[in-house]
Amino acid sequence: MTKNDALDPKGLIYEAFRIDGITTEQCRSIFLDWALSLPEGINSKDAIEQLVSRYQTDHPTHPMTEVLKAGLANTDRPKRRGGWRGRAR
């Protein structure tokens, strides 16, 4: 596990796992910052899957593991469409 790599260019996820007493809410905030700073061309779902597999073995009950898994589950939901296509017929 490295601090800065293509999946975690700012080292946000890496550092989150090293903060004692970090809360789920703080992890969500870090996750959002991570997602917004993900380099163009990196598929977020693939990146989250790789981060989960990287950290879940050593940190199965850590709040960031929980947040990553929730983020992964949310990538499977269909996106809401706006406008007339988003309305029920």
C-alpha atoms as a PDB file:
ATOM      1  CA  MET A   1       0.000   0.000   0.000  1.00  0.00           C
ATOM      2  CA  THR A   2       1.425   3.281  -1.031  1.00  0.00           C
ATOM      3  CA  LYS A   3       0.441   6.739   0.015  1.00  0.00           C
ATOM      4  CA  ASN A   4       0.066   8.263  -3.439  1.00  0.00           C
ATOM      5  CA  ASP A   5      -0.829   6.205  -6.471  1.00  0.00           C
ATOM      6  CA  ALA A   6      -3.230   6.392  -9.420  1.00  0.00           C
ATOM      7  CA  LEU A   7      -6.144   5.186  -7.273  1.00  0.00           C
ATOM      8  CA  ASP A   8      -5.449   7.591  -4.412  1.00  0.00           C
ATOM      9  CA  PRO A   9      -3.406  10.464  -5.851  1.00  0.00           C
ATOM     10  CA  LYS A  10      -3.693  12.691  -2.751  1.00  0.00           C
ATOM     11  CA  GLY A  11      -3.298   9.799  -0.311  1.00  0.00           C
ATOM     12  CA  LEU A  12      -6.693  10.591   1.242  1.00  0.00           C
ATOM     13  CA  ILE A  13      -7.900   7.013   1.596  1.00  0.00           C
ATOM     14  CA  TYR A  14      -4.488   5.856   2.795  1.00  0.00           C
ATOM     15  CA  GLU A  15      -4.404   8.515   5.520  1.00  0.00           C
ATOM     16  CA  ALA A  16      -8.029   7.881   6.569  1.00  0.00           C
ATOM     17  CA  PHE A  17      -7.101   4.337   7.584  1.00  0.00           C
ATOM     18  CA  ARG A  18      -4.352   5.716   9.817  1.00  0.00           C
ATOM     19  CA  ILE A  19      -6.496   8.179  11.795  1.00  0.00           C
ATOM     20  CA  ASP A  20      -7.386   6.817  15.225  1.00  0.00           C
ATOM     21  CA  GLY A  21     -11.019   7.318  16.176  1.00  0.00           C
ATOM     22  CA  ILE A  22     -12.151   8.541  12.761  1.00  0.00           C
ATOM     23  CA  THR A  23     -15.929   8.565  12.366  1.00  0.00           C
ATOM     24  CA  THR A  24     -18.105   7.371   9.509  1.00  0.00           C
ATOM     25  CA  GLU A  25     -19.122  10.974   8.805  1.00  0.00           C
ATOM     26  CA  GLN A  26     -15.492  12.037   8.519  1.00  0.00           C
ATOM     27  CA  CYS A  27     -14.835   9.082   6.214  1.00  0.00           C
ATOM     28  CA  ARG A  28     -17.758  10.132   4.003  1.00  0.00           C
ATOM     29  CA  SER A  29     -16.286  13.613   3.713  1.00  0.00           C
ATOM     30  CA  ILE A  30     -12.869  12.189   2.818  1.00  0.00           C
ATOM     31  CA  PHE A  31     -14.486   9.820   0.317  1.00  0.00           C
ATOM     32  CA  LEU A  32     -16.271  12.720  -1.389  1.00  0.00           C
ATOM     33  CA  ASP A  33     -13.000  14.668  -1.626  1.00  0.00           C
ATOM     34  CA  TRP A  34     -11.315  11.555  -3.026  1.00  0.00           C
ATOM     35  CA  ALA A  35     -14.076  11.023  -5.596  1.00  0.00           C
ATOM     36  CA  LEU A  36     -13.941  14.636  -6.744  1.00  0.00           C
ATOM     37  CA  SER A  37     -10.159  14.503  -7.136  1.00  0.00           C
ATOM     38  CA  LEU A  38     -10.039  11.196  -9.019  1.00  0.00           C
ATOM     39  CA  PRO A  39      -8.073  11.753 -12.236  1.00  0.00           C
ATOM     40  CA  GLU A  40      -9.958  11.867 -15.499  1.00  0.00           C
ATOM     41  CA  GLY A  41     -10.065   8.519 -17.223  1.00  0.00           C
ATOM     42  CA  ILE A  42     -10.140   6.490 -14.001  1.00  0.00           C
ATOM     43  CA  ASN A  43     -13.360   4.499 -13.636  1.00  0.00           C
ATOM     44  CA  SER A  44     -14.652   5.218 -10.123  1.00  0.00           C
ATOM     45  CA  LYS A  45     -16.305   1.818  -9.709  1.00  0.00           C
ATOM     46  CA  ASP A  46     -13.095  -0.008 -10.637  1.00  0.00           C
ATOM     47  CA  ALA A  47     -11.071   2.261  -8.358  1.00  0.00           C
ATOM     48  CA  ILE A  48     -13.402   1.662  -5.393  1.00  0.00           C
ATOM     49  CA  GLU A  49     -13.317  -2.111  -5.990  1.00  0.00           C
ATOM     50  CA  GLN A  50      -9.519  -2.048  -5.939  1.00  0.00           C
ATOM     51  CA  LEU A  51      -9.425   0.096  -2.794  1.00  0.00           C
ATOM     52  CA  VAL A  52     -11.863  -2.241  -1.017  1.00  0.00           C
ATOM     53  CA  SER A  53      -9.749  -5.263  -1.915  1.00  0.00           C
ATOM     54  CA  ARG A  54      -6.609  -3.386  -0.843  1.00  0.00           C
ATOM     55  CA  TYR A  55      -7.848  -2.407   2.625  1.00  0.00           C
ATOM     56  CA  GLN A  56     -10.693  -4.675   3.757  1.00  0.00           C
ATOM     57  CA  THR A  57      -8.510  -7.612   4.835  1.00  0.00           C
ATOM     58  CA  ASP A  58      -6.465  -5.540   7.286  1.00  0.00           C
ATOM     59  CA  HIS A  59      -9.306  -3.157   8.259  1.00  0.00           C
ATOM     60  CA  PRO A  60     -12.608  -5.078   8.012  1.00  0.00           C
ATOM     61  CA  THR A  61     -14.444  -2.977  10.623  1.00  0.00           C
ATOM     62  CA  HIS A  62     -12.928   0.428   9.845  1.00  0.00           C
ATOM     63  CA  PRO A  63     -15.457   3.161   8.982  1.00  0.00           C
ATOM     64  CA  MET A  64     -13.655   3.877   5.690  1.00  0.00           C
ATOM     65  CA  THR A  65     -14.103   0.248   4.625  1.00  0.00           C
ATOM     66  CA  GLU A  66     -17.822   0.679   5.307  1.00  0.00           C
ATOM     67  CA  VAL A  67     -17.916   3.926   3.291  1.00  0.00           C
ATOM     68  CA  LEU A  68     -16.018   2.385   0.370  1.00  0.00           C
ATOM     69  CA  LYS A  69     -18.423  -0.557   0.261  1.00  0.00           C
ATOM     70  CA  ALA A  70     -21.403   1.822   0.366  1.00  0.00           C
ATOM     71  CA  GLY A  71     -19.852   3.834  -2.457  1.00  0.00           C
ATOM     72  CA  LEU A  72     -19.414   0.670  -4.459  1.00  0.00           C
ATOM     73  CA  ALA A  73     -23.047  -0.310  -3.882  1.00  0.00           C
ATOM     74  CA  ASN A  74     -24.162   3.131  -5.064  1.00  0.00           C
ATOM     75  CA  THR A  75     -22.306   2.778  -8.362  1.00  0.00           C
ATOM     76  CA  ASP A  76     -24.596  -0.131  -9.254  1.00  0.00           C
ATOM     77  CA  ARG A  77     -27.766   1.946  -8.922  1.00  0.00           C
ATOM     78  CA  PRO A  78     -29.142   3.382 -12.141  1.00  0.00           C
ATOM     79  CA  LYS A  79     -28.577   7.080 -12.554  1.00  0.00           C
ATOM     80  CA  ARG A  80     -31.578   9.362 -12.284  1.00  0.00           C
ATOM     81  CA  ARG A  81     -32.480  10.930 -15.567  1.00  0.00           C
ATOM     82  CA  GLY A  82     -33.726  14.477 -15.615  1.00  0.00           C
ATOM     83  CA  GLY A  83     -36.279  16.156 -17.810  1.00  0.00           C
ATOM     84  CA  TRP A  84     -39.080  14.370 -19.540  1.00  0.00           C
ATOM     85  CA  ARG A  85     -37.193  11.057 -19.670  1.00  0.00           C
ATOM     86  CA  GLY A  86     -37.018  10.938 -15.872  1.00  0.00           C
ATOM     87  CA  ARG A  87     -40.768  11.210 -15.405  1.00  0.00           C
ATOM     88  CA  ALA A  88     -43.033   8.213 -15.024  1.00  0.00           C
ATOM     89  CA  ARG A  89     -45.218   7.526 -18.000  1.00  0.00           C
END
